[in-house]
Amino acid sequence: MNRDSNIYTFLFVGVMVIGIASILAFTSQTLKPMQTENVKNEKMQNILSTVGINVSREEAKELYSKYITQELALKIDGSVNESINPFSDLNLAKEIKKDYSDQHFPLYIAEIESEKYYIIELRGVGLWDAIWGYMSLKSDFNTVNGVSFDHKGETAGLGAEITKDWFKESFINEKVFNSDGELVGVTVLKGNNDPGNSDKDDHEVDAISGSTITGDGVTNMIIERLNNYLPYLEKLNIAQL
């Protein structure tokens, strides 16, 4: 075949495209199990971090099995769907798009040195895209033990600061119920009168400078997600009477 002809050029380009596409597809399929495992380990790592267990992704699986004693998929009435494993079967990004009556709410229960912690999964919207994370509550289901936040596209140095330790640590020991027993969550507030976060009964943490919308997103996702756990909490209280 004449290598200077258009036919040869088109055939050559076609073979190259198909060859490269095949290599990329093969590589993707080969690496997929490893990528899936990394995602699972990172999820375990983030859940554990809210109860003060800070480990590498490689260590997360072993310690997750040690400290997380229950994984519950809650229904809107607070009952547990025993047929669903929330860790492997629920994707909260997809779950919140369902009809509300069909949604499930992941709850992870940890036990560390005879203390129980309830860990809820969070998801909301920041300035540019989705934000998400986990919040652990102490055995009173009121006091924040720890949080973990992440985002898809918040601005570096501004909204992306929700992932920083200084911001996450400001939530520790904040209360999500007020003195009247009403669920109020934790508000990320610009101009908070307690910038040092020494008052743990004000239900507020200091906002990130220049990131009002992202902060509002964190506030909204906390209260919105927590509301879904009230029916379970009512059942839990009845069981403890």
Foldseek 3Di string as FASTA:
>chain_A
DDCPDPVVVVVVVVVVVVVVVVVVVVVCVVCVVVVVLLVLLVQLQQQVVQQPDHDDSVCSVVVSVVWFDDKFWAFLLQDTDPVDRCSPRDDPVVQVVDDNRPHTWIWIWTADPNWIKIKGWWWWAFDPGIKIWIWIDTPVNWFTSWIAIQDDDDDPPFLRCCRPPVNGVLRGGATQAAPVRHGQAAAADDPPPCAVSPDRRPSYYHHTPPRVRSRVGVNVRRSVSVVSNVSSVVVVVVVVD
